[in-house]
N, C-alpha and C. Protein backbone atom coordinates (compact mmCIF):
# COMPACT_ATOMS: atom_id res chain seq x y z
N UNK A 1 89.35 108.10 124.49
CA UNK A 1 90.01 107.17 123.54
C UNK A 1 90.93 107.94 122.63
N UNK A 2 92.15 107.42 122.44
CA UNK A 2 93.12 108.09 121.58
C UNK A 2 92.78 107.89 120.12
N UNK A 3 93.45 108.73 119.27
CA UNK A 3 93.24 108.62 117.82
C UNK A 3 93.66 107.25 117.34
N UNK A 4 94.77 106.71 117.91
CA UNK A 4 95.25 105.40 117.48
C UNK A 4 94.24 104.32 117.82
N UNK A 5 93.64 104.42 119.04
CA UNK A 5 92.66 103.43 119.45
C UNK A 5 91.44 103.47 118.57
N UNK A 6 91.03 104.69 118.16
CA UNK A 6 89.89 104.81 117.27
C UNK A 6 90.19 104.18 115.93
N UNK A 7 91.42 104.38 115.42
CA UNK A 7 91.78 103.81 114.13
C UNK A 7 91.81 102.30 114.18
N UNK A 8 92.35 101.74 115.29
CA UNK A 8 92.38 100.30 115.42
C UNK A 8 90.97 99.76 115.52
N UNK A 9 90.10 100.47 116.21
CA UNK A 9 88.71 100.07 116.29
C UNK A 9 88.08 100.03 114.91
N UNK A 10 88.40 101.02 114.08
CA UNK A 10 87.89 101.03 112.71
C UNK A 10 88.32 99.77 111.99
N UNK A 11 89.56 99.34 112.20
CA UNK A 11 90.07 98.14 111.53
C UNK A 11 89.28 96.92 111.97
N UNK A 12 88.94 96.89 113.24
CA UNK A 12 88.19 95.76 113.78
C UNK A 12 86.82 95.65 113.15
N UNK A 13 86.23 96.77 112.79
CA UNK A 13 84.87 96.78 112.27
C UNK A 13 84.77 96.39 110.81
N UNK A 14 85.88 96.17 110.14
CA UNK A 14 85.83 95.82 108.73
C UNK A 14 85.10 94.51 108.54
N UNK A 15 84.19 94.40 107.55
CA UNK A 15 83.49 93.14 107.32
C UNK A 15 84.40 92.11 106.69
N UNK A 16 84.15 90.85 107.01
CA UNK A 16 84.87 89.76 106.35
C UNK A 16 84.02 89.34 105.17
N UNK A 17 84.52 89.48 103.97
CA UNK A 17 83.74 89.23 102.79
C UNK A 17 83.51 87.75 102.59
N UNK A 18 82.30 87.41 102.27
CA UNK A 18 81.95 86.02 102.02
C UNK A 18 82.37 85.63 100.62
N UNK A 19 82.44 84.30 100.38
CA UNK A 19 82.85 83.82 99.06
C UNK A 19 81.91 84.30 97.97
N UNK A 20 80.68 84.56 98.31
CA UNK A 20 79.72 84.97 97.30
C UNK A 20 79.67 86.46 97.07
N UNK A 21 80.56 87.22 97.70
CA UNK A 21 80.57 88.66 97.51
C UNK A 21 80.73 88.99 96.04
N UNK A 22 79.96 89.99 95.56
CA UNK A 22 79.95 90.26 94.12
C UNK A 22 80.97 91.31 93.72
N UNK A 23 81.82 91.76 94.65
CA UNK A 23 82.87 92.69 94.27
C UNK A 23 83.96 91.95 93.52
N UNK A 24 84.64 92.63 92.60
CA UNK A 24 85.68 91.94 91.84
C UNK A 24 86.79 91.46 92.74
N UNK A 25 87.35 90.31 92.43
CA UNK A 25 88.38 89.75 93.28
C UNK A 25 89.44 89.04 92.49
N UNK A 26 90.34 88.42 93.23
CA UNK A 26 91.50 87.82 92.59
C UNK A 26 91.10 86.72 91.61
N UNK A 27 90.07 85.91 91.96
CA UNK A 27 89.69 84.83 91.06
C UNK A 27 89.13 85.36 89.76
N UNK A 28 88.49 86.55 89.80
CA UNK A 28 87.87 87.11 88.62
C UNK A 28 88.83 87.91 87.78
N UNK A 29 89.80 88.58 88.40
CA UNK A 29 90.59 89.58 87.72
C UNK A 29 92.01 89.18 87.38
N UNK A 30 92.59 88.21 88.10
CA UNK A 30 94.03 88.01 88.01
C UNK A 30 94.44 87.17 86.81
N UNK A 31 94.27 87.68 85.61
CA UNK A 31 94.69 86.95 84.42
C UNK A 31 96.19 86.73 84.42
N UNK A 32 96.91 87.60 85.08
CA UNK A 32 98.37 87.49 85.05
C UNK A 32 98.87 86.24 85.75
N UNK A 33 98.02 85.63 86.60
CA UNK A 33 98.41 84.40 87.24
C UNK A 33 98.21 83.18 86.34
N UNK A 34 97.53 83.34 85.19
CA UNK A 34 97.34 82.24 84.27
C UNK A 34 98.68 81.80 83.69
N UNK A 35 98.79 80.50 83.40
CA UNK A 35 100.02 80.00 82.78
C UNK A 35 100.29 80.67 81.46
N UNK A 36 99.20 81.07 80.76
CA UNK A 36 99.36 81.69 79.45
C UNK A 36 100.03 83.05 79.54
N UNK A 37 100.09 83.60 80.76
CA UNK A 37 100.67 84.92 80.94
C UNK A 37 102.12 84.85 81.42
N UNK A 38 102.73 83.64 81.44
CA UNK A 38 104.10 83.53 81.91
C UNK A 38 105.04 84.30 80.99
N UNK A 39 106.11 84.81 81.59
CA UNK A 39 107.06 85.59 80.83
C UNK A 39 107.91 84.72 79.94
N UNK A 40 108.28 85.22 78.81
CA UNK A 40 109.21 84.56 77.92
C UNK A 40 110.55 84.39 78.64
N UNK A 41 111.16 83.20 78.47
CA UNK A 41 112.41 82.94 79.17
C UNK A 41 113.50 83.92 78.77
N UNK A 42 113.37 84.50 77.59
CA UNK A 42 114.41 85.41 77.12
C UNK A 42 114.20 86.83 77.63
N UNK A 43 113.07 87.07 78.27
CA UNK A 43 112.79 88.43 78.74
C UNK A 43 113.74 88.79 79.88
N UNK A 44 114.10 90.03 79.93
CA UNK A 44 115.00 90.52 80.96
C UNK A 44 114.21 90.73 82.25
N UNK A 45 113.90 89.63 82.90
CA UNK A 45 113.09 89.68 84.11
C UNK A 45 113.99 89.98 85.31
N UNK A 46 113.51 90.82 86.22
CA UNK A 46 114.35 91.20 87.37
C UNK A 46 114.70 90.01 88.25
N UNK A 47 115.86 90.06 88.86
CA UNK A 47 116.26 89.03 89.81
C UNK A 47 115.53 89.24 91.13
N UNK A 48 115.32 88.13 91.84
CA UNK A 48 114.64 88.20 93.12
C UNK A 48 115.43 89.03 94.13
N UNK A 49 114.68 89.67 95.01
CA UNK A 49 115.31 90.34 96.14
C UNK A 49 115.86 89.29 97.10
N UNK A 50 117.00 89.58 97.69
CA UNK A 50 117.59 88.70 98.69
C UNK A 50 117.25 89.20 100.09
N UNK A 51 117.65 88.45 101.08
CA UNK A 51 117.42 88.90 102.46
C UNK A 51 118.13 90.22 102.73
N UNK A 52 119.27 90.41 102.09
CA UNK A 52 120.00 91.67 102.28
C UNK A 52 119.27 92.85 101.64
N UNK A 53 118.51 92.59 100.58
CA UNK A 53 117.76 93.65 99.90
C UNK A 53 116.49 94.02 100.67
N UNK A 54 115.95 93.06 101.38
CA UNK A 54 114.65 93.23 102.01
C UNK A 54 114.74 94.07 103.28
N UNK A 55 113.98 95.17 103.31
CA UNK A 55 113.85 95.97 104.54
C UNK A 55 112.93 95.24 105.51
N UNK A 56 111.77 94.84 105.01
CA UNK A 56 110.86 94.00 105.79
C UNK A 56 109.72 93.51 104.91
N UNK A 57 109.11 92.43 105.36
CA UNK A 57 107.85 91.93 104.79
C UNK A 57 107.01 91.49 105.96
N UNK A 58 105.91 92.19 106.22
CA UNK A 58 105.08 91.92 107.40
C UNK A 58 103.61 91.93 107.02
N UNK A 59 102.82 91.35 107.90
CA UNK A 59 101.37 91.40 107.77
C UNK A 59 100.78 91.92 109.07
N UNK A 60 99.74 92.73 108.96
CA UNK A 60 99.00 93.20 110.13
C UNK A 60 97.53 92.84 109.94
N UNK A 61 96.88 92.49 111.03
CA UNK A 61 95.49 92.06 110.96
C UNK A 61 94.93 92.05 112.38
N UNK A 62 93.68 91.64 112.52
CA UNK A 62 93.08 91.49 113.84
C UNK A 62 92.57 90.07 113.99
N UNK A 63 92.87 89.48 115.14
CA UNK A 63 92.40 88.14 115.44
C UNK A 63 91.62 88.17 116.75
N UNK A 64 90.37 87.76 116.68
CA UNK A 64 89.49 87.82 117.86
C UNK A 64 89.46 89.22 118.46
N UNK A 65 89.47 90.21 117.58
CA UNK A 65 89.35 91.60 118.01
C UNK A 65 90.64 92.26 118.43
N UNK A 66 91.73 91.48 118.51
CA UNK A 66 93.00 92.03 118.95
C UNK A 66 93.95 92.24 117.77
N UNK A 67 94.64 93.41 117.72
CA UNK A 67 95.59 93.64 116.63
C UNK A 67 96.75 92.66 116.70
N UNK A 68 97.23 92.25 115.52
CA UNK A 68 98.33 91.30 115.45
C UNK A 68 99.22 91.66 114.28
N UNK A 69 100.48 91.26 114.37
CA UNK A 69 101.43 91.48 113.29
C UNK A 69 102.41 90.33 113.26
N UNK A 70 102.88 89.99 112.07
CA UNK A 70 103.87 88.92 111.96
C UNK A 70 104.72 89.12 110.72
N UNK A 71 105.88 88.49 110.72
CA UNK A 71 106.74 88.56 109.55
C UNK A 71 106.21 87.64 108.46
N UNK A 72 106.62 87.93 107.24
CA UNK A 72 106.28 87.10 106.10
C UNK A 72 107.56 86.55 105.47
N UNK A 73 107.44 85.41 104.82
CA UNK A 73 108.60 84.76 104.22
C UNK A 73 109.16 85.59 103.06
N UNK A 74 110.43 85.38 102.76
CA UNK A 74 111.10 86.14 101.72
C UNK A 74 110.39 86.01 100.37
N UNK A 75 109.85 84.84 100.07
CA UNK A 75 109.21 84.66 98.76
C UNK A 75 108.00 85.57 98.57
N UNK A 76 107.39 86.00 99.65
CA UNK A 76 106.26 86.92 99.51
C UNK A 76 106.70 88.30 99.07
N UNK A 77 107.99 88.59 99.22
CA UNK A 77 108.53 89.87 98.78
C UNK A 77 109.01 89.82 97.34
N UNK A 78 108.84 88.66 96.71
CA UNK A 78 109.26 88.50 95.32
C UNK A 78 108.13 88.03 94.40
N UNK A 79 106.99 87.69 94.97
CA UNK A 79 105.92 87.11 94.18
C UNK A 79 104.58 87.56 94.76
N UNK A 80 103.83 88.31 93.98
CA UNK A 80 102.56 88.85 94.48
C UNK A 80 101.58 87.73 94.80
N UNK A 81 101.55 86.68 94.00
CA UNK A 81 100.65 85.57 94.28
C UNK A 81 100.96 84.94 95.63
N UNK A 82 102.25 84.77 95.93
CA UNK A 82 102.64 84.21 97.22
C UNK A 82 102.21 85.13 98.36
N UNK A 83 102.34 86.43 98.15
CA UNK A 83 101.96 87.40 99.17
C UNK A 83 100.46 87.36 99.42
N UNK A 84 99.69 87.34 98.36
CA UNK A 84 98.23 87.28 98.50
C UNK A 84 97.80 85.99 99.20
N UNK A 85 98.38 84.87 98.80
CA UNK A 85 98.04 83.59 99.43
C UNK A 85 98.38 83.61 100.93
N UNK A 86 99.54 84.18 101.27
CA UNK A 86 99.94 84.25 102.68
C UNK A 86 98.96 85.10 103.48
N UNK A 87 98.53 86.21 102.92
CA UNK A 87 97.58 87.08 103.62
C UNK A 87 96.23 86.40 103.75
N UNK A 88 95.83 85.66 102.74
CA UNK A 88 94.53 85.00 102.78
C UNK A 88 94.49 83.90 103.83
N UNK A 89 95.64 83.33 104.16
CA UNK A 89 95.66 82.25 105.15
C UNK A 89 95.62 82.77 106.59
N UNK A 90 95.81 84.05 106.79
CA UNK A 90 95.82 84.60 108.14
C UNK A 90 94.40 84.68 108.69
N UNK A 91 94.25 84.54 110.01
CA UNK A 91 92.91 84.51 110.62
C UNK A 91 92.36 85.90 110.91
N UNK A 92 92.52 86.83 109.99
CA UNK A 92 92.07 88.19 110.22
C UNK A 92 90.56 88.30 110.27
N UNK A 93 90.05 89.03 111.27
CA UNK A 93 88.60 89.21 111.38
C UNK A 93 88.02 89.90 110.15
N UNK A 94 88.77 90.86 109.62
CA UNK A 94 88.29 91.60 108.46
C UNK A 94 89.31 91.62 107.36
N UNK A 95 90.09 90.55 107.23
CA UNK A 95 91.12 90.49 106.21
C UNK A 95 92.48 90.83 106.79
N UNK A 96 93.46 90.99 105.91
CA UNK A 96 94.83 91.26 106.35
C UNK A 96 95.51 92.22 105.39
N UNK A 97 96.48 92.95 105.91
CA UNK A 97 97.24 93.92 105.13
C UNK A 97 98.70 93.54 105.16
N UNK A 98 99.30 93.42 103.97
CA UNK A 98 100.72 93.14 103.87
C UNK A 98 101.49 94.38 103.47
N UNK A 99 102.69 94.54 104.01
CA UNK A 99 103.56 95.67 103.68
C UNK A 99 104.97 95.14 103.43
N UNK A 100 105.52 95.51 102.28
CA UNK A 100 106.86 95.08 101.88
C UNK A 100 107.66 96.32 101.48
N UNK A 101 108.88 96.42 101.98
CA UNK A 101 109.79 97.48 101.56
C UNK A 101 111.11 96.85 101.15
N UNK A 102 111.66 97.32 100.02
CA UNK A 102 112.90 96.75 99.50
C UNK A 102 113.93 97.85 99.24
N UNK A 103 115.14 97.63 99.75
CA UNK A 103 116.29 98.49 99.50
C UNK A 103 116.04 99.97 99.83
N UNK A 104 115.04 100.22 100.68
CA UNK A 104 114.66 101.59 101.02
C UNK A 104 114.32 102.40 99.77
N UNK A 105 113.91 101.70 98.68
CA UNK A 105 113.63 102.34 97.40
C UNK A 105 112.13 102.41 97.08
N UNK A 106 111.39 101.41 97.51
CA UNK A 106 109.95 101.40 97.23
C UNK A 106 109.25 100.50 98.24
N UNK A 107 107.95 100.69 98.37
CA UNK A 107 107.16 99.79 99.21
C UNK A 107 105.89 99.38 98.48
N UNK A 108 105.39 98.25 98.89
CA UNK A 108 104.16 97.69 98.34
C UNK A 108 103.20 97.44 99.50
N UNK A 109 101.94 97.81 99.30
CA UNK A 109 100.87 97.47 100.23
C UNK A 109 99.89 96.57 99.50
N UNK A 110 99.48 95.49 100.15
CA UNK A 110 98.48 94.59 99.58
C UNK A 110 97.45 94.29 100.67
N UNK A 111 96.20 94.49 100.35
CA UNK A 111 95.13 94.26 101.31
C UNK A 111 94.19 93.20 100.75
N UNK A 112 93.95 92.16 101.53
CA UNK A 112 93.11 91.04 101.11
C UNK A 112 91.94 90.92 102.08
N UNK A 113 90.73 91.01 101.53
CA UNK A 113 89.51 90.83 102.32
C UNK A 113 88.61 89.87 101.53
N UNK A 114 88.60 88.63 101.93
CA UNK A 114 87.85 87.65 101.16
C UNK A 114 88.40 87.57 99.75
N UNK A 115 87.56 87.74 98.76
CA UNK A 115 87.99 87.71 97.37
C UNK A 115 88.53 89.07 96.90
N UNK A 116 88.36 90.07 97.71
CA UNK A 116 88.70 91.43 97.29
C UNK A 116 90.16 91.72 97.60
N UNK A 117 90.92 92.06 96.56
CA UNK A 117 92.35 92.33 96.69
C UNK A 117 92.65 93.74 96.19
N UNK A 118 93.36 94.51 97.00
CA UNK A 118 93.81 95.85 96.60
C UNK A 118 95.34 95.90 96.70
N UNK A 119 95.94 96.62 95.77
CA UNK A 119 97.39 96.73 95.75
C UNK A 119 97.82 98.18 95.54
N UNK A 120 98.98 98.51 96.08
CA UNK A 120 99.55 99.85 95.92
C UNK A 120 101.06 99.72 95.84
N UNK A 121 101.64 100.40 94.86
CA UNK A 121 103.09 100.42 94.66
C UNK A 121 103.57 101.86 94.74
N UNK A 122 104.55 102.13 95.58
CA UNK A 122 104.95 103.51 95.82
C UNK A 122 105.70 104.13 94.65
N UNK A 123 106.29 103.30 93.78
CA UNK A 123 107.04 103.85 92.64
C UNK A 123 107.01 102.86 91.48
N UNK A 124 106.33 103.24 90.41
CA UNK A 124 106.18 102.35 89.26
C UNK A 124 107.51 101.98 88.64
N UNK A 125 108.52 102.84 88.76
CA UNK A 125 109.81 102.56 88.15
C UNK A 125 110.52 101.37 88.80
N UNK A 126 110.10 100.99 90.00
CA UNK A 126 110.67 99.81 90.65
C UNK A 126 110.36 98.54 89.87
N UNK A 127 109.34 98.59 89.02
CA UNK A 127 108.96 97.41 88.24
C UNK A 127 110.04 97.01 87.24
N UNK A 128 110.94 97.91 86.92
CA UNK A 128 112.04 97.57 86.02
C UNK A 128 113.15 96.79 86.71
N UNK A 129 113.14 96.80 88.05
CA UNK A 129 114.25 96.22 88.80
C UNK A 129 113.87 95.11 89.77
N UNK A 130 112.58 95.03 90.17
CA UNK A 130 112.20 94.12 91.23
C UNK A 130 110.94 93.33 90.86
N UNK A 131 110.94 92.01 91.08
CA UNK A 131 109.80 91.16 90.68
C UNK A 131 108.47 91.55 91.32
N UNK A 132 108.45 91.83 92.62
CA UNK A 132 107.18 92.14 93.28
C UNK A 132 106.55 93.40 92.70
N UNK A 133 107.38 94.38 92.37
CA UNK A 133 106.86 95.62 91.78
C UNK A 133 106.31 95.34 90.38
N UNK A 134 106.99 94.49 89.63
CA UNK A 134 106.49 94.13 88.29
C UNK A 134 105.18 93.37 88.40
N UNK A 135 105.08 92.47 89.38
CA UNK A 135 103.84 91.73 89.59
C UNK A 135 102.67 92.67 89.87
N UNK A 136 102.92 93.69 90.68
CA UNK A 136 101.85 94.64 91.01
C UNK A 136 101.40 95.37 89.75
N UNK A 137 102.35 95.77 88.91
CA UNK A 137 101.99 96.43 87.65
C UNK A 137 101.16 95.51 86.77
N UNK A 138 101.54 94.23 86.70
CA UNK A 138 100.78 93.26 85.92
C UNK A 138 99.36 93.12 86.48
N UNK A 139 99.27 93.03 87.80
CA UNK A 139 97.96 92.92 88.46
C UNK A 139 97.07 94.10 88.11
N UNK A 140 97.68 95.28 88.10
CA UNK A 140 96.93 96.52 87.85
C UNK A 140 96.71 96.78 86.35
N UNK A 141 97.41 96.04 85.50
CA UNK A 141 97.32 96.30 84.07
C UNK A 141 98.07 97.55 83.66
N UNK A 142 99.12 97.89 84.41
CA UNK A 142 99.92 99.09 84.15
C UNK A 142 101.13 98.71 83.29
N UNK A 143 101.36 99.44 82.22
CA UNK A 143 102.52 99.19 81.37
C UNK A 143 103.81 99.47 82.13
N UNK A 144 104.85 98.71 81.81
CA UNK A 144 106.15 98.98 82.41
C UNK A 144 106.65 100.34 81.97
N UNK A 145 107.24 101.10 82.87
CA UNK A 145 107.73 102.43 82.52
C UNK A 145 108.98 102.34 81.65
N UNK A 146 109.20 103.36 80.88
CA UNK A 146 110.40 103.45 80.05
C UNK A 146 111.58 103.83 80.95
N UNK A 147 112.59 102.98 80.98
CA UNK A 147 113.73 103.26 81.84
C UNK A 147 114.44 104.55 81.45
N UNK A 148 114.40 104.88 80.18
CA UNK A 148 115.07 106.10 79.70
C UNK A 148 114.37 107.36 80.19
N UNK A 149 113.10 107.20 80.61
CA UNK A 149 112.33 108.36 81.06
C UNK A 149 112.14 108.37 82.56
N UNK A 150 112.90 107.54 83.25
CA UNK A 150 112.74 107.43 84.70
C UNK A 150 112.96 108.76 85.39
N UNK A 151 112.02 109.10 86.26
CA UNK A 151 112.06 110.35 87.00
C UNK A 151 112.71 110.12 88.35
N UNK A 152 113.38 111.12 88.87
CA UNK A 152 113.97 111.00 90.19
C UNK A 152 112.91 110.93 91.27
N UNK A 153 111.75 111.52 91.02
CA UNK A 153 110.66 111.49 92.00
C UNK A 153 109.85 110.21 91.84
N UNK A 154 109.39 109.62 92.94
CA UNK A 154 108.58 108.41 92.87
C UNK A 154 107.27 108.67 92.13
N UNK A 155 106.77 107.64 91.47
CA UNK A 155 105.51 107.73 90.73
C UNK A 155 104.61 106.58 91.18
N UNK A 156 103.75 106.82 92.18
CA UNK A 156 102.92 105.75 92.74
C UNK A 156 101.85 105.28 91.75
N UNK A 157 101.48 103.99 91.86
CA UNK A 157 100.38 103.43 91.09
C UNK A 157 99.58 102.50 91.99
N UNK A 158 98.32 102.32 91.66
CA UNK A 158 97.49 101.37 92.39
C UNK A 158 96.35 102.03 93.14
N UNK A 159 95.88 101.33 94.15
CA UNK A 159 94.69 101.75 94.89
C UNK A 159 95.06 102.74 95.98
N UNK A 160 94.97 104.01 95.65
CA UNK A 160 95.25 105.04 96.65
C UNK A 160 94.24 105.00 97.79
N UNK A 161 93.09 104.40 97.55
CA UNK A 161 92.06 104.32 98.59
C UNK A 161 92.17 103.05 99.42
N UNK A 162 93.31 102.37 99.35
CA UNK A 162 93.47 101.08 100.01
C UNK A 162 93.26 101.16 101.53
N UNK A 163 93.53 102.33 102.12
CA UNK A 163 93.41 102.47 103.58
C UNK A 163 92.49 103.62 103.99
N UNK A 164 91.68 104.10 103.08
CA UNK A 164 90.85 105.27 103.41
C UNK A 164 89.86 104.97 104.52
N UNK A 165 89.29 103.76 104.53
CA UNK A 165 88.31 103.44 105.57
C UNK A 165 88.96 103.24 106.93
N UNK A 166 90.29 103.14 106.94
CA UNK A 166 91.01 102.97 108.20
C UNK A 166 91.63 104.27 108.70
N UNK A 167 91.51 105.33 107.92
CA UNK A 167 91.98 106.63 108.39
C UNK A 167 93.08 107.29 107.58
N UNK A 168 93.55 106.63 106.51
CA UNK A 168 94.60 107.22 105.68
C UNK A 168 94.00 107.58 104.32
N UNK A 169 93.86 108.86 104.06
CA UNK A 169 93.20 109.31 102.84
C UNK A 169 94.07 109.07 101.62
N UNK A 170 93.45 109.14 100.45
CA UNK A 170 94.19 108.99 99.20
C UNK A 170 95.28 110.06 99.09
N UNK A 171 94.94 111.28 99.43
CA UNK A 171 95.91 112.37 99.35
C UNK A 171 97.09 112.13 100.28
N UNK A 172 96.81 111.68 101.49
CA UNK A 172 97.88 111.45 102.46
C UNK A 172 98.79 110.30 102.03
N UNK A 173 98.20 109.24 101.45
CA UNK A 173 99.02 108.14 100.97
C UNK A 173 99.88 108.59 99.80
N UNK A 174 99.31 109.39 98.92
CA UNK A 174 100.08 109.94 97.79
C UNK A 174 101.25 110.78 98.31
N UNK A 175 100.97 111.59 99.31
CA UNK A 175 102.01 112.45 99.89
C UNK A 175 103.13 111.63 100.52
N UNK A 176 102.74 110.58 101.25
CA UNK A 176 103.74 109.71 101.86
C UNK A 176 104.62 109.05 100.81
N UNK A 177 103.98 108.50 99.78
CA UNK A 177 104.71 107.74 98.78
C UNK A 177 105.69 108.59 97.99
N UNK A 178 105.42 109.86 97.89
CA UNK A 178 106.27 110.75 97.08
C UNK A 178 107.23 111.58 97.93
N UNK A 179 107.34 111.24 99.21
CA UNK A 179 108.26 111.94 100.10
C UNK A 179 109.67 111.41 99.87
N UNK A 180 110.51 112.18 99.24
CA UNK A 180 111.86 111.73 98.91
C UNK A 180 112.85 111.94 100.06
N UNK A 181 112.39 112.53 101.13
CA UNK A 181 113.28 112.78 102.28
C UNK A 181 113.31 111.63 103.27
N UNK A 182 112.42 110.65 103.10
CA UNK A 182 112.36 109.50 104.00
C UNK A 182 112.60 108.22 103.22
N UNK A 183 113.18 107.22 103.86
CA UNK A 183 113.33 105.91 103.24
C UNK A 183 111.97 105.23 103.17
N UNK A 184 111.81 104.32 102.21
CA UNK A 184 110.49 103.73 102.00
C UNK A 184 110.07 102.80 103.14
N UNK A 185 111.04 102.21 103.85
CA UNK A 185 110.64 101.39 104.99
C UNK A 185 109.97 102.25 106.05
N UNK A 186 110.51 103.44 106.26
CA UNK A 186 109.91 104.36 107.22
C UNK A 186 108.56 104.88 106.72
N UNK A 187 108.46 105.14 105.43
CA UNK A 187 107.20 105.64 104.88
C UNK A 187 106.09 104.60 105.03
N UNK A 188 106.41 103.34 104.77
CA UNK A 188 105.41 102.29 104.92
C UNK A 188 104.95 102.18 106.38
N UNK A 189 105.90 102.29 107.30
CA UNK A 189 105.53 102.24 108.72
C UNK A 189 104.74 103.47 109.13
N UNK A 190 105.03 104.60 108.52
CA UNK A 190 104.24 105.80 108.80
C UNK A 190 102.80 105.62 108.33
N UNK A 191 102.61 104.92 107.21
CA UNK A 191 101.26 104.62 106.75
C UNK A 191 100.53 103.76 107.78
N UNK A 192 101.24 102.79 108.35
CA UNK A 192 100.64 101.95 109.38
C UNK A 192 100.39 102.73 110.66
N UNK A 193 101.24 103.72 110.95
CA UNK A 193 100.99 104.62 112.08
C UNK A 193 99.63 105.28 111.94
N UNK A 194 99.32 105.70 110.72
CA UNK A 194 98.11 106.46 110.48
C UNK A 194 96.84 105.62 110.65
N UNK A 195 96.97 104.30 110.61
CA UNK A 195 95.79 103.45 110.83
C UNK A 195 95.86 102.77 112.20
N UNK A 196 96.76 103.24 113.05
CA UNK A 196 96.80 102.76 114.42
C UNK A 196 97.53 101.46 114.64
N UNK A 197 98.29 101.00 113.64
CA UNK A 197 98.98 99.72 113.77
C UNK A 197 100.50 99.86 113.63
N UNK A 198 100.98 101.09 113.61
CA UNK A 198 102.40 101.33 113.42
C UNK A 198 103.26 100.85 114.56
N UNK A 199 102.83 101.06 115.79
CA UNK A 199 103.63 100.66 116.95
C UNK A 199 103.85 99.16 116.97
N UNK A 200 102.80 98.41 116.72
CA UNK A 200 102.90 96.95 116.69
C UNK A 200 103.80 96.50 115.54
N UNK A 201 103.63 97.12 114.37
CA UNK A 201 104.44 96.77 113.21
C UNK A 201 105.91 97.08 113.46
N UNK A 202 106.20 98.22 114.07
CA UNK A 202 107.59 98.60 114.34
C UNK A 202 108.26 97.61 115.30
N UNK A 203 107.50 97.13 116.26
CA UNK A 203 108.05 96.16 117.20
C UNK A 203 108.49 94.89 116.47
N UNK A 204 107.67 94.43 115.54
CA UNK A 204 108.00 93.23 114.76
C UNK A 204 109.19 93.50 113.86
N UNK A 205 109.19 94.63 113.18
CA UNK A 205 110.29 94.96 112.26
C UNK A 205 111.61 95.07 113.00
N UNK A 206 111.61 95.75 114.13
CA UNK A 206 112.85 95.94 114.89
C UNK A 206 113.37 94.61 115.44
N UNK A 207 112.45 93.70 115.77
CA UNK A 207 112.88 92.43 116.33
C UNK A 207 113.37 91.46 115.27
N UNK A 208 112.80 91.52 114.09
CA UNK A 208 113.08 90.49 113.08
C UNK A 208 113.93 90.94 111.91
N UNK A 209 114.01 92.25 111.65
CA UNK A 209 114.68 92.70 110.44
C UNK A 209 115.86 93.63 110.70
N UNK A 210 116.10 94.01 111.94
CA UNK A 210 117.20 94.91 112.25
C UNK A 210 118.36 94.16 112.90
């Protein structure tokens, strides 16, 4: 069995969390989705990404033991709640993983397993320019970065352990996210390569987004 097959097998073995699971989840933690947390109309909120800005928005999961991938609607690349809802509706045996890359500048990973939601943003400074990145920061409770102090190097935030059980360690994800020699769409696909789902994801991306 190849390394990729072993990784895909690991994905298949993930448990599907029941509604009564006691791990923290979106219903318990997502205060930012409350109406009381809406942004002031006068706030300089980033404009939505357009189809031209979007590198890709895809989901990968397993259905009846078989790996699957599909495209996601543009609104999922602009609204974390929409992305989570879309992933939750998929028939994944052990949940679903969403990957979004915008303008080859940053990528977002979101993993939904029952009530349990994990998020990862490859560069916190993207929150100053893009809605989905700002949503992730709100979800994580991370303050918006100071634009005047923006670093040329990416500064990842979120769950570095989002894919550790599938074969991508925290250190390796950190290394991928901070690689300035590759575009973020390629980096996100490389992360999926490491969990054995990159080939399938690339096929979908090349067919639908190129």
